[in-house]
Amino acid sequence: MWYVFFFSSGWRVNSCNQDAYPNAYAWKVYTGLIAYQLFLAWVMPGYQQEGLPVPSLGYKTLMYNCNALWSIYASMITAAVLHYYNIFRLTEIIDNYGHLMSVAIIYGFVVSFGVYFVTVATGNQIRMSGNFIYDVFMGACLNPRIGPIDLKMWAEVRIPWVIVFFLAVSGGCLQYERYGYVTPVSLPSSGMPKYVYSLVTEHGFHDSRNLVISQRLVCYYTHLSCPCNDDTL
């Protein structure tokens, strides 16, 4: 994203400050999204699925509250209410895209490094190579959790695909506000494909548990790569 801003503006720093600076508003919106998605993951009802035995935990099994579908429905209803009552207009997402993605990049680093250092500090690291860069990238913790929430499963879907979906809807809303209609070209991509894919990923994670995957890849990639690479932009 920064590459596009730099080259499209002739390496003008002022353009990045204007269009992609991680300002206070972007921090408030993005942090609010994370807090709300954590809240939904914690409290929404869902099917209680026992995971597979984890060798690193002495073959202990972990419980998963599979409530992703209810969470995304709650997110959509909440967004509709906020938009209707002008508390938070969905068009603000596309208007602040650069700022939000800069905050996402920072969050990606903070969360991935934070999980690594907390894991090492608490002595829960496994399969460490001794190479700091490699260990940070691959991750030190197999199943990082906040209470009943598995951070890997939460970060893989609850942040990136929610952003992608609402980013697409935001573009359609902005076009409708400006012109009174949504063009046939943007209509198919203004939410429906993202909605369908979000449902697929949310539902698919009902059957995913005890993921053996890089903590840093998940935490960093999911905070920013999906929204940054969205083809509707």
C-alpha atoms as a PDB file:
ATOM      1  CA  MET A   1       0.000   0.000   0.000  1.00  0.00           C
ATOM      2  CA  TRP A   2       2.779   2.433   0.917  1.00  0.00           C
ATOM      3  CA  TYR A   3       4.521   1.474  -2.332  1.00  0.00           C
ATOM      4  CA  VAL A   4       1.433   2.590  -4.261  1.00  0.00           C
ATOM      5  CA  PHE A   5       1.181   5.843  -2.343  1.00  0.00           C
ATOM      6  CA  PHE A   6       4.848   6.647  -2.851  1.00  0.00           C
ATOM      7  CA  PHE A   7       5.076   5.862  -6.552  1.00  0.00           C
ATOM      8  CA  SER A   8       1.687   7.268  -7.494  1.00  0.00           C
ATOM      9  CA  SER A   9       2.600  10.540  -5.819  1.00  0.00           C
ATOM     10  CA  GLY A  10       6.174  10.814  -7.025  1.00  0.00           C
ATOM     11  CA  TRP A  11       7.608   9.929  -3.621  1.00  0.00           C
ATOM     12  CA  ARG A  12       5.860  12.840  -1.983  1.00  0.00           C
ATOM     13  CA  VAL A  13       5.725  12.365   1.763  1.00  0.00           C
ATOM     14  CA  ASN A  14       2.871  14.851   2.036  1.00  0.00           C
ATOM     15  CA  SER A  15       0.621  12.500   0.082  1.00  0.00           C
ATOM     16  CA  CYS A  16       1.273   9.693   2.552  1.00  0.00           C
ATOM     17  CA  ASN A  17       0.664  12.014   5.481  1.00  0.00           C
ATOM     18  CA  GLN A  18      -2.622  13.081   3.948  1.00  0.00           C
ATOM     19  CA  ASP A  19      -3.922   9.716   2.755  1.00  0.00           C
ATOM     20  CA  ALA A  20      -2.235   7.038   4.857  1.00  0.00           C
ATOM     21  CA  TYR A  21      -1.148   8.552   8.151  1.00  0.00           C
ATOM     22  CA  PRO A  22      -2.220   6.400  11.138  1.00  0.00           C
ATOM     23  CA  ASN A  23      -4.283   9.157  12.692  1.00  0.00           C
ATOM     24  CA  ALA A  24      -6.310   9.070  15.895  1.00  0.00           C
ATOM     25  CA  TYR A  25      -9.568   8.403  14.045  1.00  0.00           C
ATOM     26  CA  ALA A  26      -8.153   5.316  12.329  1.00  0.00           C
ATOM     27  CA  TRP A  27      -6.812   4.028  15.648  1.00  0.00           C
ATOM     28  CA  LYS A  28     -10.226   4.504  17.242  1.00  0.00           C
ATOM     29  CA  VAL A  29     -12.094   2.717  14.441  1.00  0.00           C
ATOM     30  CA  TYR A  30      -9.674  -0.188  14.070  1.00  0.00           C
ATOM     31  CA  THR A  31      -9.279  -0.700  17.811  1.00  0.00           C
ATOM     32  CA  GLY A  32     -13.047  -0.601  18.172  1.00  0.00           C
ATOM     33  CA  LEU A  33     -13.376  -3.307  15.529  1.00  0.00           C
ATOM     34  CA  ILE A  34     -10.858  -5.536  17.310  1.00  0.00           C
ATOM     35  CA  ALA A  35     -12.515  -5.018  20.692  1.00  0.00           C
ATOM     36  CA  TYR A  36     -15.985  -5.720  19.291  1.00  0.00           C
ATOM     37  CA  GLN A  37     -14.880  -8.851  17.459  1.00  0.00           C
ATOM     38  CA  LEU A  38     -13.160 -10.120  20.610  1.00  0.00           C
ATOM     39  CA  PHE A  39     -16.357  -9.426  22.540  1.00  0.00           C
ATOM     40  CA  LEU A  40     -18.473 -11.324  20.017  1.00  0.00           C
ATOM     41  CA  ALA A  41     -16.048 -14.246  19.950  1.00  0.00           C
ATOM     42  CA  TRP A  42     -16.249 -14.418  23.730  1.00  0.00           C
ATOM     43  CA  VAL A  43     -20.004 -14.109  24.339  1.00  0.00           C
ATOM     44  CA  MET A  44     -21.898 -15.229  21.234  1.00  0.00           C
ATOM     45  CA  PRO A  45     -23.449 -18.693  21.453  1.00  0.00           C
ATOM     46  CA  GLY A  46     -22.056 -21.468  19.350  1.00  0.00           C
ATOM     47  CA  TYR A  47     -21.432 -25.166  19.050  1.00  0.00           C
ATOM     48  CA  GLN A  48     -18.975 -26.409  21.662  1.00  0.00           C
ATOM     49  CA  GLN A  49     -16.363 -28.470  19.828  1.00  0.00           C
ATOM     50  CA  GLU A  50     -13.632 -30.425  21.574  1.00  0.00           C
ATOM     51  CA  GLY A  51     -10.350 -30.254  19.692  1.00  0.00           C
ATOM     52  CA  LEU A  52      -7.875 -32.978  18.966  1.00  0.00           C
ATOM     53  CA  PRO A  53      -5.283 -34.017  21.584  1.00  0.00           C
ATOM     54  CA  VAL A  54      -2.314 -31.635  21.614  1.00  0.00           C
ATOM     55  CA  PRO A  55       1.033 -33.426  22.157  1.00  0.00           C
ATOM     56  CA  SER A  56       2.748 -30.295  23.496  1.00  0.00           C
ATOM     57  CA  LEU A  57       0.059 -30.023  26.192  1.00  0.00           C
ATOM     58  CA  GLY A  58       0.391 -33.646  27.254  1.00  0.00           C
ATOM     59  CA  TYR A  59      -2.345 -34.682  24.824  1.00  0.00           C
ATOM     60  CA  LYS A  60      -4.813 -32.383  26.504  1.00  0.00           C
ATOM     61  CA  THR A  61      -7.805 -31.356  24.396  1.00  0.00           C
ATOM     62  CA  LEU A  62      -9.025 -27.785  24.063  1.00  0.00           C
ATOM     63  CA  MET A  63     -12.611 -26.599  23.764  1.00  0.00           C
ATOM     64  CA  TYR A  64     -13.723 -24.265  20.972  1.00  0.00           C
ATOM     65  CA  ASN A  65     -16.854 -22.149  20.955  1.00  0.00           C
ATOM     66  CA  CYS A  66     -17.758 -22.189  17.250  1.00  0.00           C
ATOM     67  CA  ASN A  67     -19.751 -18.972  17.090  1.00  0.00           C
ATOM     68  CA  ALA A  68     -18.301 -17.343  13.975  1.00  0.00           C
ATOM     69  CA  LEU A  69     -21.556 -17.349  12.019  1.00  0.00           C
ATOM     70  CA  TRP A  70     -23.525 -15.668  14.788  1.00  0.00           C
ATOM     71  CA  SER A  71     -20.681 -13.183  15.180  1.00  0.00           C
ATOM     72  CA  ILE A  72     -20.692 -12.074  11.545  1.00  0.00           C
ATOM     73  CA  TYR A  73     -24.489 -11.743  11.570  1.00  0.00           C
ATOM     74  CA  ALA A  74     -24.216  -9.610  14.720  1.00  0.00           C
ATOM     75  CA  SER A  75     -21.512  -7.517  13.035  1.00  0.00           C
ATOM     76  CA  MET A  76     -23.740  -6.888  10.021  1.00  0.00           C
ATOM     77  CA  ILE A  77     -26.730  -5.905  12.161  1.00  0.00           C
ATOM     78  CA  THR A  78     -24.575  -3.616  14.289  1.00  0.00           C
ATOM     79  CA  ALA A  79     -23.074  -1.939  11.221  1.00  0.00           C
ATOM     80  CA  ALA A  80     -26.533  -1.407   9.702  1.00  0.00           C
ATOM     81  CA  VAL A  81     -27.826   0.206  12.898  1.00  0.00           C
ATOM     82  CA  LEU A  82     -24.782   2.474  13.248  1.00  0.00           C
ATOM     83  CA  HIS A  83     -25.055   3.492   9.602  1.00  0.00           C
ATOM     84  CA  TYR A  84     -28.808   4.127   9.703  1.00  0.00           C
ATOM     85  CA  TYR A  85     -28.609   6.347  12.780  1.00  0.00           C
ATOM     86  CA  ASN A  86     -25.502   8.169  11.489  1.00  0.00           C
ATOM     87  CA  ILE A  87     -23.399   7.027  14.426  1.00  0.00           C
ATOM     88  CA  PHE A  88     -20.805   5.524  12.113  1.00  0.00           C
ATOM     89  CA  ARG A  89     -21.406   5.841   8.392  1.00  0.00           C
ATOM     90  CA  LEU A  90     -20.099   2.876   6.413  1.00  0.00           C
ATOM     91  CA  THR A  91     -18.756   5.286   3.800  1.00  0.00           C
ATOM     92  CA  GLU A  92     -16.147   6.386   6.330  1.00  0.00           C
ATOM     93  CA  ILE A  93     -14.343   3.085   5.850  1.00  0.00           C
ATOM     94  CA  ILE A  94     -13.489   3.681   2.195  1.00  0.00           C
ATOM     95  CA  ASP A  95     -12.821   7.373   2.876  1.00  0.00           C
ATOM     96  CA  ASN A  96     -10.211   6.435   5.483  1.00  0.00           C
ATOM     97  CA  TYR A  97      -8.854   3.337   3.753  1.00  0.00           C
ATOM     98  CA  GLY A  98      -5.201   4.410   3.765  1.00  0.00           C
ATOM     99  CA  HIS A  99      -5.259   5.484   7.392  1.00  0.00           C
ATOM    100  CA  LEU A 100      -6.954   2.263   8.491  1.00  0.00           C
ATOM    101  CA  MET A 101      -4.508   0.058   6.605  1.00  0.00           C
ATOM    102  CA  SER A 102      -1.540   1.854   8.153  1.00  0.00           C
ATOM    103  CA  VAL A 103      -2.996   1.134  11.575  1.00  0.00           C
ATOM    104  CA  ALA A 104      -3.549  -2.476  10.493  1.00  0.00           C
ATOM    105  CA  ILE A 105       0.133  -2.787   9.567  1.00  0.00           C
ATOM    106  CA  ILE A 106       1.175  -1.472  12.973  1.00  0.00           C
ATOM    107  CA  TYR A 107      -1.273  -3.784  14.727  1.00  0.00           C
ATOM    108  CA  GLY A 108       0.104  -6.702  12.728  1.00  0.00           C
ATOM    109  CA  PHE A 109       3.594  -6.110  14.084  1.00  0.00           C
ATOM    110  CA  VAL A 110       2.444  -5.318  17.627  1.00  0.00           C
ATOM    111  CA  VAL A 111       0.216  -8.381  17.964  1.00  0.00           C
ATOM    112  CA  SER A 112       2.686 -10.845  16.435  1.00  0.00           C
ATOM    113  CA  PHE A 113       5.657  -9.583  18.459  1.00  0.00           C
ATOM    114  CA  GLY A 114       3.481  -9.245  21.560  1.00  0.00           C
ATOM    115  CA  VAL A 115       2.330 -12.863  21.384  1.00  0.00           C
ATOM    116  CA  TYR A 116       5.938 -13.979  20.890  1.00  0.00           C
ATOM    117  CA  PHE A 117       7.376 -12.062  23.845  1.00  0.00           C
ATOM    118  CA  VAL A 118       4.512 -12.968  26.191  1.00  0.00           C
ATOM    119  CA  THR A 119       4.929 -16.621  25.273  1.00  0.00           C
ATOM    120  CA  VAL A 120       8.677 -16.550  25.973  1.00  0.00           C
ATOM    121  CA  ALA A 121       8.181 -14.592  29.196  1.00  0.00           C
ATOM    122  CA  THR A 122       5.689 -17.145  30.510  1.00  0.00           C
ATOM    123  CA  GLY A 123       7.853 -20.102  29.450  1.00  0.00           C
ATOM    124  CA  ASN A 124       5.286 -21.616  27.073  1.00  0.00           C
ATOM    125  CA  GLN A 125       7.416 -21.566  23.940  1.00  0.00           C
ATOM    126  CA  ILE A 126       7.919 -24.778  21.952  1.00  0.00           C
ATOM    127  CA  ARG A 127      10.202 -25.906  19.119  1.00  0.00           C
ATOM    128  CA  MET A 128      12.524 -22.895  19.424  1.00  0.00           C
ATOM    129  CA  SER A 129      15.501 -22.887  17.063  1.00  0.00           C
ATOM    130  CA  GLY A 130      17.583 -20.282  18.882  1.00  0.00           C
ATOM    131  CA  ASN A 131      17.467 -17.939  15.877  1.00  0.00           C
ATOM    132  CA  PHE A 132      15.472 -14.900  16.978  1.00  0.00           C
ATOM    133  CA  ILE A 133      14.288 -13.840  13.523  1.00  0.00           C
ATOM    134  CA  TYR A 134      13.237 -17.375  12.587  1.00  0.00           C
ATOM    135  CA  ASP A 135      11.505 -17.988  15.921  1.00  0.00           C
ATOM    136  CA  VAL A 136       9.589 -14.706  15.789  1.00  0.00           C
ATOM    137  CA  PHE A 137       8.453 -15.441  12.246  1.00  0.00           C
ATOM    138  CA  MET A 138       7.422 -19.034  12.941  1.00  0.00           C
ATOM    139  CA  GLY A 139       5.980 -18.274  16.363  1.00  0.00           C
ATOM    140  CA  ALA A 140       6.733 -19.529  19.837  1.00  0.00           C
ATOM    141  CA  CYS A 141       3.248 -20.574  20.969  1.00  0.00           C
ATOM    142  CA  LEU A 142       1.162 -23.297  19.391  1.00  0.00           C
ATOM    143  CA  ASN A 143      -2.242 -22.348  20.793  1.00  0.00           C
ATOM    144  CA  PRO A 144      -2.229 -18.711  21.963  1.00  0.00           C
ATOM    145  CA  ARG A 145      -5.473 -17.899  23.758  1.00  0.00           C
ATOM    146  CA  ILE A 146      -7.287 -15.078  25.494  1.00  0.00           C
ATOM    147  CA  GLY A 147      -9.719 -16.886  27.765  1.00  0.00           C
ATOM    148  CA  PRO A 148     -11.762 -19.230  25.550  1.00  0.00           C
ATOM    149  CA  ILE A 149     -10.684 -17.462  22.333  1.00  0.00           C
ATOM    150  CA  ASP A 150      -8.068 -19.109  20.136  1.00  0.00           C
ATOM    151  CA  LEU A 151      -6.150 -16.145  18.720  1.00  0.00           C
ATOM    152  CA  LYS A 152      -5.113 -17.948  15.541  1.00  0.00           C
ATOM    153  CA  MET A 153      -8.618 -18.930  14.582  1.00  0.00           C
ATOM    154  CA  TRP A 154      -9.944 -15.522  15.617  1.00  0.00           C
ATOM    155  CA  ALA A 155      -7.286 -13.527  13.747  1.00  0.00           C
ATOM    156  CA  GLU A 156      -7.567 -15.617  10.598  1.00  0.00           C
ATOM    157  CA  VAL A 157     -11.204 -14.692   9.966  1.00  0.00           C
ATOM    158  CA  ARG A 158     -12.733 -12.281  12.464  1.00  0.00           C
ATOM    159  CA  ILE A 159     -10.595  -9.275  11.456  1.00  0.00           C
ATOM    160  CA  PRO A 160      -9.495  -9.503   7.780  1.00  0.00           C
ATOM    161  CA  TRP A 161     -12.636 -10.839   6.145  1.00  0.00           C
ATOM    162  CA  VAL A 162     -14.908  -8.627   8.209  1.00  0.00           C
ATOM    163  CA  ILE A 163     -12.853  -5.657   6.980  1.00  0.00           C
ATOM    164  CA  VAL A 164     -12.924  -6.855   3.372  1.00  0.00           C
ATOM    165  CA  PHE A 165     -16.679  -7.333   3.478  1.00  0.00           C
ATOM    166  CA  PHE A 166     -17.424  -3.930   4.981  1.00  0.00           C
ATOM    167  CA  LEU A 167     -14.844  -2.277   2.747  1.00  0.00           C
ATOM    168  CA  ALA A 168     -16.726  -3.561  -0.283  1.00  0.00           C
ATOM    169  CA  VAL A 169     -20.072  -2.490   1.199  1.00  0.00           C
ATOM    170  CA  SER A 170     -18.564   0.898   2.030  1.00  0.00           C
ATOM    171  CA  GLY A 171     -17.604   1.443  -1.615  1.00  0.00           C
ATOM    172  CA  GLY A 172     -21.129   0.626  -2.746  1.00  0.00           C
ATOM    173  CA  CYS A 173     -22.656   2.939  -0.121  1.00  0.00           C
ATOM    174  CA  LEU A 174     -20.373   5.791  -1.131  1.00  0.00           C
ATOM    175  CA  GLN A 175     -21.252   5.379  -4.783  1.00  0.00           C
ATOM    176  CA  TYR A 176     -24.951   5.324  -3.945  1.00  0.00           C
ATOM    177  CA  GLU A 177     -24.665   8.485  -1.836  1.00  0.00           C
ATOM    178  CA  ARG A 178     -22.820  10.347  -4.580  1.00  0.00           C
ATOM    179  CA  TYR A 179     -24.726   9.209  -7.649  1.00  0.00           C
ATOM    180  CA  GLY A 180     -27.953   7.722  -6.348  1.00  0.00           C
ATOM    181  CA  TYR A 181     -27.177   4.266  -7.695  1.00  0.00           C
ATOM    182  CA  VAL A 182     -24.553   1.528  -7.701  1.00  0.00           C
ATOM    183  CA  THR A 183     -23.094   0.802 -11.127  1.00  0.00           C
ATOM    184  CA  PRO A 184     -23.514  -2.681 -12.629  1.00  0.00           C
ATOM    185  CA  VAL A 185     -19.730  -3.089 -12.588  1.00  0.00           C
ATOM    186  CA  SER A 186     -19.345  -2.484  -8.863  1.00  0.00           C
ATOM    187  CA  LEU A 187     -22.645  -4.015  -7.745  1.00  0.00           C
ATOM    188  CA  PRO A 188     -21.479  -7.656  -7.964  1.00  0.00           C
ATOM    189  CA  SER A 189     -18.336  -6.821  -5.983  1.00  0.00           C
ATOM    190  CA  SER A 190     -19.952  -4.488  -3.453  1.00  0.00           C
ATOM    191  CA  GLY A 191     -20.383  -7.016  -0.718  1.00  0.00           C
ATOM    192  CA  MET A 192     -22.019 -10.179  -2.050  1.00  0.00           C
ATOM    193  CA  PRO A 193     -18.863 -12.147  -3.036  1.00  0.00           C
ATOM    194  CA  LYS A 194     -17.200 -11.001   0.189  1.00  0.00           C
ATOM    195  CA  TYR A 195     -20.308 -11.930   2.153  1.00  0.00           C
ATOM    196  CA  VAL A 196     -20.391 -15.405   0.622  1.00  0.00           C
ATOM    197  CA  TYR A 197     -16.683 -15.941   1.166  1.00  0.00           C
ATOM    198  CA  SER A 198     -16.941 -14.625   4.720  1.00  0.00           C
ATOM    199  CA  LEU A 199     -19.684 -17.143   5.428  1.00  0.00           C
ATOM    200  CA  VAL A 200     -17.578 -19.914   3.904  1.00  0.00           C
ATOM    201  CA  THR A 201     -14.529 -19.037   5.968  1.00  0.00           C
ATOM    202  CA  GLU A 202     -16.540 -18.452   9.139  1.00  0.00           C
ATOM    203  CA  HIS A 203     -18.340 -21.777   8.676  1.00  0.00           C
ATOM    204  CA  GLY A 204     -15.170 -23.582   7.625  1.00  0.00           C
ATOM    205  CA  PHE A 205     -13.481 -22.660  10.863  1.00  0.00           C
ATOM    206  CA  HIS A 206     -16.158 -24.555  12.750  1.00  0.00           C
ATOM    207  CA  ASP A 207     -14.244 -27.657  11.717  1.00  0.00           C
ATOM    208  CA  SER A 208     -10.728 -26.248  12.217  1.00  0.00           C
ATOM    209  CA  ARG A 209      -9.010 -26.705  15.535  1.00  0.00           C
ATOM    210  CA  ASN A 210      -5.541 -27.052  17.040  1.00  0.00           C
ATOM    211  CA  LEU A 211      -3.909 -25.377  14.057  1.00  0.00           C
ATOM    212  CA  VAL A 212      -0.195 -26.064  13.704  1.00  0.00           C
ATOM    213  CA  ILE A 213       0.723 -22.887  11.847  1.00  0.00           C
ATOM    214  CA  SER A 214       3.039 -19.926  12.189  1.00  0.00           C
ATOM    215  CA  GLN A 215       1.813 -17.507  14.843  1.00  0.00           C
ATOM    216  CA  ARG A 216       3.456 -14.536  13.159  1.00  0.00           C
ATOM    217  CA  LEU A 217       2.161 -15.450   9.706  1.00  0.00           C
ATOM    218  CA  VAL A 218      -1.393 -15.606  11.022  1.00  0.00           C
ATOM    219  CA  CYS A 219      -1.286 -12.542  13.273  1.00  0.00           C
ATOM    220  CA  TYR A 220       0.491 -10.277  10.803  1.00  0.00           C
ATOM    221  CA  TYR A 221      -0.995 -11.494   7.528  1.00  0.00           C
ATOM    222  CA  THR A 222      -4.585 -11.470   8.666  1.00  0.00           C
ATOM    223  CA  HIS A 223      -4.440  -7.946  10.061  1.00  0.00           C
ATOM    224  CA  LEU A 224      -3.573  -6.363   6.757  1.00  0.00           C
ATOM    225  CA  SER A 225      -2.986  -8.582   3.739  1.00  0.00           C
ATOM    226  CA  CYS A 226      -6.588  -9.381   2.841  1.00  0.00           C
ATOM    227  CA  PRO A 227      -7.800  -5.777   2.931  1.00  0.00           C
ATOM    228  CA  CYS A 228      -4.621  -4.471   1.247  1.00  0.00           C
ATOM    229  CA  ASN A 229      -4.915  -6.922  -1.627  1.00  0.00           C
ATOM    230  CA  ASP A 230      -8.666  -6.682  -2.152  1.00  0.00           C
ATOM    231  CA  ASP A 231      -9.328  -6.621  -5.891  1.00  0.00           C
ATOM    232  CA  THR A 232     -12.294  -4.270  -5.635  1.00  0.00           C
ATOM    233  CA  LEU A 233     -10.041  -1.393  -4.672  1.00  0.00           C
END
